[in-house]
Amino acid sequence: MTTTRPTTGTHADTDPSRPPTPTPLTVTPHPVASPEAALVLRAYLTDVADRWYLLHHGRTTTPEEVERHLAEDPSDDLVPPGGVFLLARLGGEPAGCAGLRRLDARTAELKRMFVHPERRGRGVGAALLAAVEETARGWGAERVVLETRRDLMEARALYARHGYTAVEPYVHGPYTEVWLGKALDRADG
């Protein structure tokens, strides 16, 4: 599965009287164990951990803390046949990621949803969600669920715009505060 769509990009040397050049946006399955995936996952964890540490400890994470968290929760469940890691590229450069894993025959769980801060607002998150939902439908799933935190407001707003609503808690953890889900209508997409 490859999802490609043009998005509007800007360049410092672009003539302001001309429209911006479309920048291709792609979302494709990618090996979670690859060096490229490791870089995006490290950026993801640094972003969400820094927010948590600032909120609860008044400081950002150290590189050692990021590495420890990566080792404790390695994303190794995002491999076929029970999972997938999706990499978004904007203009050929990594722009974000999302993981999907099967919870049961009818339910898939979204994990590791991330868009690089400098790439936000360009449709990357929407493209990742569309690819996640398409993949889940292909597995025969009837719904996608996810867990997140209250302080990740941009992510929660994205999920709400795409039809995700509150569901009963299905997993618990120190960083789990909000549970969302979406029924997958076969006509969606």
Protein backbone atom coordinates (compact mmCIF):
# COMPACT_ATOMS: atom_id res chain seq x y z
CA MET A 1 0.00 0.00 0.00
CA THR A 2 1.30 3.38 -1.01
CA THR A 3 -0.64 6.55 -0.52
CA THR A 4 0.59 9.52 -2.55
CA ARG A 5 -0.87 12.96 -2.79
CA PRO A 6 0.54 16.39 -3.58
CA THR A 7 0.66 18.96 -0.83
CA THR A 8 1.74 22.56 -1.04
CA GLY A 9 5.37 23.18 -0.24
CA THR A 10 7.32 26.40 0.01
CA HIS A 11 10.94 27.18 -0.67
CA ALA A 12 12.99 30.23 0.29
CA ASP A 13 13.93 30.83 -3.33
CA THR A 14 10.34 30.62 -4.66
CA ASP A 15 9.02 33.66 -6.50
CA PRO A 16 6.19 34.97 -4.25
CA SER A 17 4.12 35.86 -7.32
CA ARG A 18 4.02 32.18 -8.35
CA PRO A 19 2.01 29.50 -6.56
CA PRO A 20 3.99 27.17 -4.30
CA THR A 21 5.36 23.99 -5.84
CA PRO A 22 3.42 20.85 -4.90
CA THR A 23 5.47 18.61 -2.63
CA PRO A 24 4.72 14.89 -2.93
CA LEU A 25 3.47 13.24 0.25
CA THR A 26 3.73 9.45 0.48
CA VAL A 27 2.88 6.95 3.19
CA THR A 28 4.30 3.45 2.82
CA PRO A 29 5.00 0.41 5.00
CA HIS A 30 8.60 0.51 6.18
CA PRO A 31 10.73 -1.90 8.25
CA VAL A 32 10.52 -0.77 11.89
CA ALA A 33 14.04 -2.11 12.50
CA SER A 34 15.61 0.13 9.83
CA PRO A 35 17.93 3.04 10.67
CA GLU A 36 15.45 5.47 9.10
CA ALA A 37 12.59 4.19 11.27
CA ALA A 38 14.85 4.42 14.33
CA LEU A 39 15.48 8.11 13.63
CA VAL A 40 11.77 8.90 13.27
CA LEU A 41 10.87 6.86 16.36
CA ARG A 42 13.60 8.63 18.34
CA ALA A 43 12.18 12.01 17.22
CA TYR A 44 8.69 10.81 18.21
CA LEU A 45 9.78 9.68 21.65
CA THR A 46 11.86 12.81 22.25
CA ASP A 47 8.86 14.99 21.36
CA VAL A 48 6.31 13.21 23.56
CA ALA A 49 8.76 12.56 26.42
CA ASP A 50 9.96 16.17 26.48
CA ARG A 51 6.36 17.33 26.79
CA TRP A 52 5.73 14.90 29.66
CA TYR A 53 8.96 15.75 31.48
CA LEU A 54 8.36 19.52 31.11
CA LEU A 55 4.83 19.16 32.45
CA HIS A 56 5.69 16.85 35.35
CA HIS A 57 9.38 17.51 36.10
CA GLY A 58 10.07 21.00 34.74
CA ARG A 59 12.77 19.80 32.34
CA THR A 60 13.26 17.98 29.05
CA THR A 61 14.52 14.43 28.74
CA THR A 62 18.16 13.52 28.50
CA PRO A 63 19.43 11.44 25.56
CA GLU A 64 20.02 8.60 28.03
CA GLU A 65 16.38 8.71 29.15
CA VAL A 66 15.19 8.64 25.54
CA GLU A 67 17.38 5.61 24.80
CA ARG A 68 16.13 3.86 27.95
CA HIS A 69 12.48 4.45 26.97
CA LEU A 70 13.17 3.18 23.44
CA ALA A 71 14.72 0.01 24.87
CA GLU A 72 11.81 -0.51 27.29
CA ASP A 73 9.17 -0.16 24.56
CA PRO A 74 10.89 -1.12 21.29
CA SER A 75 8.01 -1.10 18.72
CA ASP A 76 8.87 -4.68 17.75
CA ASP A 77 5.15 -5.49 17.56
CA LEU A 78 4.82 -3.28 14.46
CA VAL A 79 5.91 -6.02 12.06
CA PRO A 80 3.86 -8.35 9.84
CA PRO A 81 1.73 -10.32 10.13
CA GLY A 82 0.27 -8.74 13.28
CA GLY A 83 1.49 -5.20 12.80
CA VAL A 84 2.88 -2.62 10.41
CA PHE A 85 5.02 0.51 10.63
CA LEU A 86 4.11 3.30 8.21
CA LEU A 87 6.55 6.02 7.21
CA ALA A 88 5.35 9.32 5.77
CA ARG A 89 7.62 11.25 3.45
CA LEU A 90 7.13 14.82 2.35
CA GLY A 91 9.26 15.77 -0.63
CA GLY A 92 11.18 12.51 -0.17
CA GLU A 93 12.18 13.31 3.43
CA PRO A 94 10.78 11.50 6.48
CA ALA A 95 7.91 13.57 7.87
CA GLY A 96 6.23 11.24 10.35
CA CYS A 97 5.12 7.74 11.21
CA ALA A 98 2.34 5.59 12.55
CA GLY A 99 2.18 2.02 13.72
CA LEU A 100 -0.75 -0.35 13.63
CA ARG A 101 -1.14 -3.66 15.40
CA ARG A 102 -3.96 -6.17 15.68
CA LEU A 103 -5.56 -6.41 19.09
CA ASP A 104 -8.08 -9.02 17.98
CA ALA A 105 -9.92 -10.09 14.82
CA ARG A 106 -12.12 -6.98 14.84
CA THR A 107 -9.86 -4.34 16.41
CA ALA A 108 -6.60 -2.68 15.36
CA GLU A 109 -4.63 -0.31 17.58
CA LEU A 110 -2.89 2.85 16.37
CA LYS A 111 0.54 3.33 17.95
CA ARG A 112 3.45 5.76 17.52
CA MET A 113 1.50 8.39 15.57
CA PHE A 114 3.90 11.27 14.95
CA VAL A 115 4.45 14.17 12.58
CA HIS A 116 7.70 16.13 12.80
CA PRO A 117 6.87 19.55 14.28
CA GLU A 118 8.20 21.40 11.22
CA ARG A 119 5.98 19.25 8.95
CA ARG A 120 2.74 19.78 10.86
CA GLY A 121 -0.14 21.52 9.12
CA ARG A 122 0.68 19.99 5.72
CA GLY A 123 -1.67 17.01 5.69
CA VAL A 124 0.85 14.45 6.95
CA GLY A 125 -1.26 13.43 9.96
CA ALA A 126 -4.40 13.06 7.83
CA ALA A 127 -2.49 10.95 5.29
CA LEU A 128 -1.11 8.72 8.03
CA LEU A 129 -4.58 8.21 9.54
CA ALA A 130 -6.02 7.38 6.11
CA ALA A 131 -3.28 4.79 5.56
CA VAL A 132 -3.81 3.32 9.04
CA GLU A 133 -7.54 2.97 8.45
CA GLU A 134 -7.03 1.49 4.96
CA THR A 135 -4.59 -1.06 6.39
CA ALA A 136 -6.95 -1.95 9.25
CA ARG A 137 -9.83 -2.47 6.79
CA GLY A 138 -7.56 -4.71 4.72
CA TRP A 139 -7.02 -6.83 7.83
CA GLY A 140 -10.78 -7.11 8.29
CA ALA A 141 -10.82 -4.87 11.36
CA GLU A 142 -14.08 -3.12 12.20
CA ARG A 143 -12.54 -0.42 14.36
CA VAL A 144 -9.30 1.34 15.25
CA VAL A 145 -8.53 2.30 18.85
CA LEU A 146 -5.73 4.31 20.40
CA GLU A 147 -4.56 5.66 23.72
CA THR A 148 -2.94 9.02 24.23
CA ARG A 149 -2.37 11.76 26.78
CA ARG A 150 -4.35 14.88 27.64
CA ASP A 151 -1.38 17.19 26.93
CA LEU A 152 -1.04 15.99 23.31
CA MET A 153 -3.71 18.43 22.19
CA GLU A 154 -2.69 18.62 18.52
CA ALA A 155 -2.97 14.86 18.18
CA ARG A 156 -6.30 14.76 19.98
CA ALA A 157 -7.65 17.52 17.70
CA LEU A 158 -6.51 15.56 14.62
CA TYR A 159 -8.22 12.41 15.86
CA ALA A 160 -11.45 14.32 16.60
CA ARG A 161 -11.45 15.88 13.10
CA HIS A 162 -11.24 12.37 11.67
CA GLY A 163 -14.09 10.88 13.67
CA TYR A 164 -12.32 9.37 16.68
CA THR A 165 -14.39 9.52 19.87
CA ALA A 166 -13.99 8.42 23.49
CA VAL A 167 -14.08 4.67 24.17
CA GLU A 168 -13.85 2.63 27.34
CA PRO A 169 -10.28 2.20 28.63
CA TYR A 170 -8.80 -0.95 27.13
CA VAL A 171 -5.23 -0.66 28.43
CA HIS A 172 -3.64 1.15 31.37
CA GLY A 173 -0.22 2.66 31.84
CA PRO A 174 1.59 5.62 33.36
CA TYR A 175 1.25 7.69 30.16
CA THR A 176 -2.29 6.65 29.22
CA GLU A 177 -4.98 9.22 29.98
CA VAL A 178 -7.33 9.25 26.97
CA TRP A 179 -8.80 6.34 24.98
CA LEU A 180 -10.29 6.94 21.53
CA GLY A 181 -11.72 4.79 18.78
CA LYS A 182 -13.39 4.89 15.40
CA ALA A 183 -15.69 2.39 13.73
CA LEU A 184 -14.49 1.67 10.22
CA ASP A 185 -17.31 2.06 7.75
CA ARG A 186 -16.54 -0.07 4.70
CA ALA A 187 -17.57 2.92 2.57
CA ASP A 188 -14.92 5.18 4.21
CA GLY A 189 -11.76 5.85 2.37
